[in-house]
Amino acid sequence: MKLSFRGISYNHDPMTLKPTNTEFEGTYRGIHWKNNPCTSSRHGHGLKPMTYRGIHYLQN
């Protein structure tokens, strides 16, 4: 892809990443945890109603 910034042209070839089915796990402050980065995203689910100084809003 050919791009330009402030009059200088350059080629940009974006890197493609293939997802792996690897689980990450470890211990943090004595608690064991696991994470699988290939699981579905949770964005938009579980919105919590919150209040800050009388203003109500939703947060993930």
PDB file of N, CA and C in Angstrom:
ATOM      1  N   MET A   1       0.857  -1.158   0.000  1.00  0.00           N
ATOM      2  CA  MET A   1       0.000   0.000   0.000  1.00  0.00           C
ATOM      3  C   MET A   1       0.911   1.231   0.000  1.00  0.00           C
ATOM      4  N   LYS A   2       0.640   2.171  -0.873  1.00  0.00           N
ATOM      5  CA  LYS A   2       1.453   3.371  -0.956  1.00  0.00           C
ATOM      6  C   LYS A   2       0.787   4.486  -0.152  1.00  0.00           C
ATOM      7  N   LEU A   3       1.529   5.071   0.774  1.00  0.00           N
ATOM      8  CA  LEU A   3       1.027   6.130   1.637  1.00  0.00           C
ATOM      9  C   LEU A   3       1.932   7.346   1.527  1.00  0.00           C
ATOM     10  N   SER A   4       1.422   8.479   1.974  1.00  0.00           N
ATOM     11  CA  SER A   4       2.284   9.657   2.045  1.00  0.00           C
ATOM     12  C   SER A   4       1.971  10.420   3.325  1.00  0.00           C
ATOM     13  N   PHE A   5       3.015  11.032   3.896  1.00  0.00           N
ATOM     14  CA  PHE A   5       2.883  11.815   5.116  1.00  0.00           C
ATOM     15  C   PHE A   5       3.748  13.047   4.966  1.00  0.00           C
ATOM     16  N   ARG A   6       3.122  14.214   5.047  1.00  0.00           N
ATOM     17  CA  ARG A   6       3.815  15.497   4.884  1.00  0.00           C
ATOM     18  C   ARG A   6       4.641  15.545   3.604  1.00  0.00           C
ATOM     19  N   GLY A   7       4.054  15.027   2.530  1.00  0.00           N
ATOM     20  CA  GLY A   7       4.695  15.098   1.230  1.00  0.00           C
ATOM     21  C   GLY A   7       5.713  14.016   0.945  1.00  0.00           C
ATOM     22  N   ILE A   8       5.974  13.125   1.890  1.00  0.00           N
ATOM     23  CA  ILE A   8       6.936  12.042   1.690  1.00  0.00           C
ATOM     24  C   ILE A   8       6.155  10.756   1.465  1.00  0.00           C
ATOM     25  N   SER A   9       6.394  10.108   0.311  1.00  0.00           N
ATOM     26  CA  SER A   9       5.706   8.861  -0.021  1.00  0.00           C
ATOM     27  C   SER A   9       6.495   7.668   0.507  1.00  0.00           C
ATOM     28  N   TYR A  10       5.775   6.652   0.924  1.00  0.00           N
ATOM     29  CA  TYR A  10       6.423   5.418   1.355  1.00  0.00           C
ATOM     30  C   TYR A  10       5.457   4.265   1.156  1.00  0.00           C
ATOM     31  N   ASN A  11       5.996   3.058   1.090  1.00  0.00           N
ATOM     32  CA  ASN A  11       5.193   1.845   0.940  1.00  0.00           C
ATOM     33  C   ASN A  11       4.993   1.223   2.311  1.00  0.00           C
ATOM     34  N   HIS A  12       3.772   0.763   2.532  1.00  0.00           N
ATOM     35  CA  HIS A  12       3.444   0.121   3.807  1.00  0.00           C
ATOM     36  C   HIS A  12       2.856  -1.246   3.511  1.00  0.00           C
ATOM     37  N   ASP A  13       3.501  -2.284   4.014  1.00  0.00           N
ATOM     38  CA  ASP A  13       2.996  -3.647   3.881  1.00  0.00           C
ATOM     39  C   ASP A  13       2.587  -4.125   5.261  1.00  0.00           C
ATOM     40  N   PRO A  14       1.271  -4.108   5.559  1.00  0.00           N
ATOM     41  CA  PRO A  14       0.846  -4.510   6.905  1.00  0.00           C
ATOM     42  C   PRO A  14       1.143  -5.982   7.165  1.00  0.00           C
ATOM     43  N   MET A  15       1.536  -6.247   8.394  1.00  0.00           N
ATOM     44  CA  MET A  15       1.865  -7.597   8.796  1.00  0.00           C
ATOM     45  C   MET A  15       0.573  -8.343   9.125  1.00  0.00           C
ATOM     46  N   THR A  16       0.450  -9.576   8.681  1.00  0.00           N
ATOM     47  CA  THR A  16      -0.722 -10.381   9.005  1.00  0.00           C
ATOM     48  C   THR A  16      -0.341 -11.382  10.081  1.00  0.00           C
ATOM     49  N   LEU A  17      -1.202 -11.529  11.058  1.00  0.00           N
ATOM     50  CA  LEU A  17      -0.970 -12.467  12.147  1.00  0.00           C
ATOM     51  C   LEU A  17      -2.009 -13.575  12.090  1.00  0.00           C
ATOM     52  N   LYS A  18      -1.553 -14.788  12.290  1.00  0.00           N
ATOM     53  CA  LYS A  18      -2.466 -15.923  12.331  1.00  0.00           C
ATOM     54  C   LYS A  18      -2.745 -16.247  13.796  1.00  0.00           C
ATOM     55  N   PRO A  19      -4.023 -16.401  14.158  1.00  0.00           N
ATOM     56  CA  PRO A  19      -4.326 -16.731  15.547  1.00  0.00           C
ATOM     57  C   PRO A  19      -3.856 -18.137  15.902  1.00  0.00           C
ATOM     58  N   THR A  20      -3.370 -18.281  17.089  1.00  0.00           N
ATOM     59  CA  THR A  20      -2.964 -19.595  17.580  1.00  0.00           C
ATOM     60  C   THR A  20      -3.949 -20.023  18.658  1.00  0.00           C
ATOM     61  N   ASN A  21      -3.990 -21.280  18.908  1.00  0.00           N
ATOM     62  CA  ASN A  21      -4.910 -21.809  19.902  1.00  0.00           C
ATOM     63  C   ASN A  21      -4.150 -22.090  21.201  1.00  0.00           C
ATOM     64  N   THR A  22      -3.345 -21.140  21.625  1.00  0.00           N
ATOM     65  CA  THR A  22      -2.499 -21.299  22.802  1.00  0.00           C
ATOM     66  C   THR A  22      -3.144 -20.630  24.007  1.00  0.00           C
ATOM     67  N   GLU A  23      -3.134 -21.321  25.122  1.00  0.00           N
ATOM     68  CA  GLU A  23      -3.622 -20.733  26.367  1.00  0.00           C
ATOM     69  C   GLU A  23      -2.437 -20.183  27.141  1.00  0.00           C
ATOM     70  N   PHE A  24      -2.640 -19.042  27.756  1.00  0.00           N
ATOM     71  CA  PHE A  24      -1.636 -18.466  28.633  1.00  0.00           C
ATOM     72  C   PHE A  24      -2.085 -18.699  30.058  1.00  0.00           C
ATOM     73  N   GLU A  25      -1.155 -19.019  30.915  1.00  0.00           N
ATOM     74  CA  GLU A  25      -1.497 -19.180  32.316  1.00  0.00           C
ATOM     75  C   GLU A  25      -0.325 -18.760  33.180  1.00  0.00           C
ATOM     76  N   GLY A  26      -0.643 -18.423  34.417  1.00  0.00           N
ATOM     77  CA  GLY A  26       0.402 -17.996  35.329  1.00  0.00           C
ATOM     78  C   GLY A  26      -0.145 -17.802  36.726  1.00  0.00           C
ATOM     79  N   THR A  27       0.661 -17.213  37.569  1.00  0.00           N
ATOM     80  CA  THR A  27       0.273 -16.936  38.944  1.00  0.00           C
ATOM     81  C   THR A  27       0.548 -15.470  39.222  1.00  0.00           C
ATOM     82  N   TYR A  28      -0.446 -14.788  39.744  1.00  0.00           N
ATOM     83  CA  TYR A  28      -0.310 -13.384  40.105  1.00  0.00           C
ATOM     84  C   TYR A  28      -0.795 -13.204  41.530  1.00  0.00           C
ATOM     85  N   ARG A  29       0.092 -12.767  42.398  1.00  0.00           N
ATOM     86  CA  ARG A  29      -0.206 -12.580  43.824  1.00  0.00           C
ATOM     87  C   ARG A  29      -0.845 -13.820  44.447  1.00  0.00           C
ATOM     88  N   GLY A  30      -0.339 -14.984  44.068  1.00  0.00           N
ATOM     89  CA  GLY A  30      -0.793 -16.234  44.661  1.00  0.00           C
ATOM     90  C   GLY A  30      -2.049 -16.809  44.047  1.00  0.00           C
ATOM     91  N   ILE A  31      -2.619 -16.167  43.022  1.00  0.00           N
ATOM     92  CA  ILE A  31      -3.842 -16.664  42.388  1.00  0.00           C
ATOM     93  C   ILE A  31      -3.501 -17.166  40.996  1.00  0.00           C
ATOM     94  N   HIS A  32      -3.881 -18.407  40.718  1.00  0.00           N
ATOM     95  CA  HIS A  32      -3.629 -19.001  39.406  1.00  0.00           C
ATOM     96  C   HIS A  32      -4.668 -18.502  38.413  1.00  0.00           C
ATOM     97  N   TRP A  33      -4.239 -18.116  37.197  1.00  0.00           N
ATOM     98  CA  TRP A  33      -5.154 -17.616  36.171  1.00  0.00           C
ATOM     99  C   TRP A  33      -4.823 -18.257  34.830  1.00  0.00           C
ATOM    100  N   LYS A  34      -5.839 -18.309  33.936  1.00  0.00           N
ATOM    101  CA  LYS A  34      -5.697 -18.822  32.566  1.00  0.00           C
ATOM    102  C   LYS A  34      -6.362 -17.846  31.629  1.00  0.00           C
ATOM    103  N   ASN A  35      -5.837 -17.745  30.411  1.00  0.00           N
ATOM    104  CA  ASN A  35      -6.425 -16.874  29.410  1.00  0.00           C
ATOM    105  C   ASN A  35      -6.247 -17.523  28.050  1.00  0.00           C
ATOM    106  N   ASN A  36      -7.332 -17.601  27.274  1.00  0.00           N
ATOM    107  CA  ASN A  36      -7.272 -18.099  25.912  1.00  0.00           C
ATOM    108  C   ASN A  36      -7.605 -16.939  24.984  1.00  0.00           C
ATOM    109  N   PRO A  37      -6.625 -16.382  24.250  1.00  0.00           N
ATOM    110  CA  PRO A  37      -6.868 -15.206  23.421  1.00  0.00           C
ATOM    111  C   PRO A  37      -7.776 -15.475  22.229  1.00  0.00           C
ATOM    112  N   CYS A  38      -8.053 -16.724  21.894  1.00  0.00           N
ATOM    113  CA  CYS A  38      -8.889 -17.033  20.730  1.00  0.00           C
ATOM    114  C   CYS A  38     -10.366 -17.134  21.082  1.00  0.00           C
ATOM    115  N   THR A  39     -10.718 -16.958  22.325  1.00  0.00           N
ATOM    116  CA  THR A  39     -12.138 -17.011  22.679  1.00  0.00           C
ATOM    117  C   THR A  39     -12.831 -15.760  22.179  1.00  0.00           C
ATOM    118  N   SER A  40     -14.137 -15.809  22.098  1.00  0.00           N
ATOM    119  CA  SER A  40     -14.887 -14.673  21.566  1.00  0.00           C
ATOM    120  C   SER A  40     -14.737 -13.451  22.459  1.00  0.00           C
ATOM    121  N   SER A  41     -14.844 -12.308  21.841  1.00  0.00           N
ATOM    122  CA  SER A  41     -14.693 -11.044  22.548  1.00  0.00           C
ATOM    123  C   SER A  41     -15.925 -10.774  23.413  1.00  0.00           C
ATOM    124  N   ARG A  42     -15.732 -10.101  24.522  1.00  0.00           N
ATOM    125  CA  ARG A  42     -16.835  -9.808  25.433  1.00  0.00           C
ATOM    126  C   ARG A  42     -17.320  -8.373  25.316  1.00  0.00           C
ATOM    127  N   HIS A  43     -16.869  -7.641  24.316  1.00  0.00           N
ATOM    128  CA  HIS A  43     -17.253  -6.244  24.195  1.00  0.00           C
ATOM    129  C   HIS A  43     -18.751  -6.125  23.980  1.00  0.00           C
ATOM    130  N   GLY A  44     -19.362  -5.212  24.680  1.00  0.00           N
ATOM    131  CA  GLY A  44     -20.785  -4.972  24.538  1.00  0.00           C
ATOM    132  C   GLY A  44     -21.638  -5.826  25.452  1.00  0.00           C
ATOM    133  N   HIS A  45     -21.042  -6.810  26.095  1.00  0.00           N
ATOM    134  CA  HIS A  45     -21.803  -7.665  27.004  1.00  0.00           C
ATOM    135  C   HIS A  45     -21.485  -7.267  28.436  1.00  0.00           C
ATOM    136  N   GLY A  46     -22.449  -7.371  29.276  1.00  0.00           N
ATOM    137  CA  GLY A  46     -22.227  -7.113  30.679  1.00  0.00           C
ATOM    138  C   GLY A  46     -21.996  -5.654  31.015  1.00  0.00           C
ATOM    139  N   LEU A  47     -22.764  -4.763  30.396  1.00  0.00           N
ATOM    140  CA  LEU A  47     -22.624  -3.350  30.731  1.00  0.00           C
ATOM    141  C   LEU A  47     -23.122  -3.122  32.155  1.00  0.00           C
ATOM    142  N   LYS A  48     -22.323  -2.412  32.929  1.00  0.00           N
ATOM    143  CA  LYS A  48     -22.684  -2.138  34.313  1.00  0.00           C
ATOM    144  C   LYS A  48     -23.123  -0.691  34.449  1.00  0.00           C
ATOM    145  N   PRO A  49     -24.280  -0.452  35.051  1.00  0.00           N
ATOM    146  CA  PRO A  49     -24.654   0.935  35.327  1.00  0.00           C
ATOM    147  C   PRO A  49     -23.794   1.474  36.475  1.00  0.00           C
ATOM    148  N   MET A  50     -23.157   2.612  36.260  1.00  0.00           N
ATOM    149  CA  MET A  50     -22.280   3.201  37.253  1.00  0.00           C
ATOM    150  C   MET A  50     -22.711   4.638  37.507  1.00  0.00           C
ATOM    151  N   THR A  51     -22.298   5.187  38.651  1.00  0.00           N
ATOM    152  CA  THR A  51     -22.604   6.573  38.995  1.00  0.00           C
ATOM    153  C   THR A  51     -21.340   7.234  39.523  1.00  0.00           C
ATOM    154  N   TYR A  52     -21.033   8.418  38.990  1.00  0.00           N
ATOM    155  CA  TYR A  52     -19.898   9.189  39.475  1.00  0.00           C
ATOM    156  C   TYR A  52     -20.370  10.604  39.744  1.00  0.00           C
ATOM    157  N   ARG A  53     -20.343  10.999  40.995  1.00  0.00           N
ATOM    158  CA  ARG A  53     -20.787  12.322  41.426  1.00  0.00           C
ATOM    159  C   ARG A  53     -22.171  12.684  40.895  1.00  0.00           C
ATOM    160  N   GLY A  54     -23.082  11.693  40.965  1.00  0.00           N
ATOM    161  CA  GLY A  54     -24.456  11.924  40.567  1.00  0.00           C
ATOM    162  C   GLY A  54     -24.743  11.757  39.096  1.00  0.00           C
ATOM    163  N   ILE A  55     -23.724  11.474  38.263  1.00  0.00           N
ATOM    164  CA  ILE A  55     -23.907  11.272  36.834  1.00  0.00           C
ATOM    165  C   ILE A  55     -23.957   9.764  36.570  1.00  0.00           C
ATOM    166  N   HIS A  56     -25.011   9.303  35.917  1.00  0.00           N
ATOM    167  CA  HIS A  56     -25.174   7.889  35.620  1.00  0.00           C
ATOM    168  C   HIS A  56     -24.620   7.596  34.238  1.00  0.00           C
ATOM    169  N   TYR A  57     -23.883   6.456  34.098  1.00  0.00           N
ATOM    170  CA  TYR A  57     -23.335   6.026  32.800  1.00  0.00           C
ATOM    171  C   TYR A  57     -23.171   4.523  32.819  1.00  0.00           C
ATOM    172  N   LEU A  58     -22.899   3.929  31.635  1.00  0.00           N
ATOM    173  CA  LEU A  58     -22.692   2.491  31.493  1.00  0.00           C
ATOM    174  C   LEU A  58     -21.231   2.240  31.186  1.00  0.00           C
ATOM    175  N   GLN A  59     -20.692   1.160  31.741  1.00  0.00           N
ATOM    176  CA  GLN A  59     -19.301   0.796  31.507  1.00  0.00           C
ATOM    177  C   GLN A  59     -19.203  -0.699  31.313  1.00  0.00           C
ATOM    178  N   ASN A  60     -18.285  -1.144  30.408  1.00  0.00           N
ATOM    179  CA  ASN A  60     -18.052  -2.586  30.181  1.00  0.00           C
ATOM    180  C   ASN A  60     -17.400  -3.180  31.386  1.00  0.00           C
TER     181      ASN A  60
END
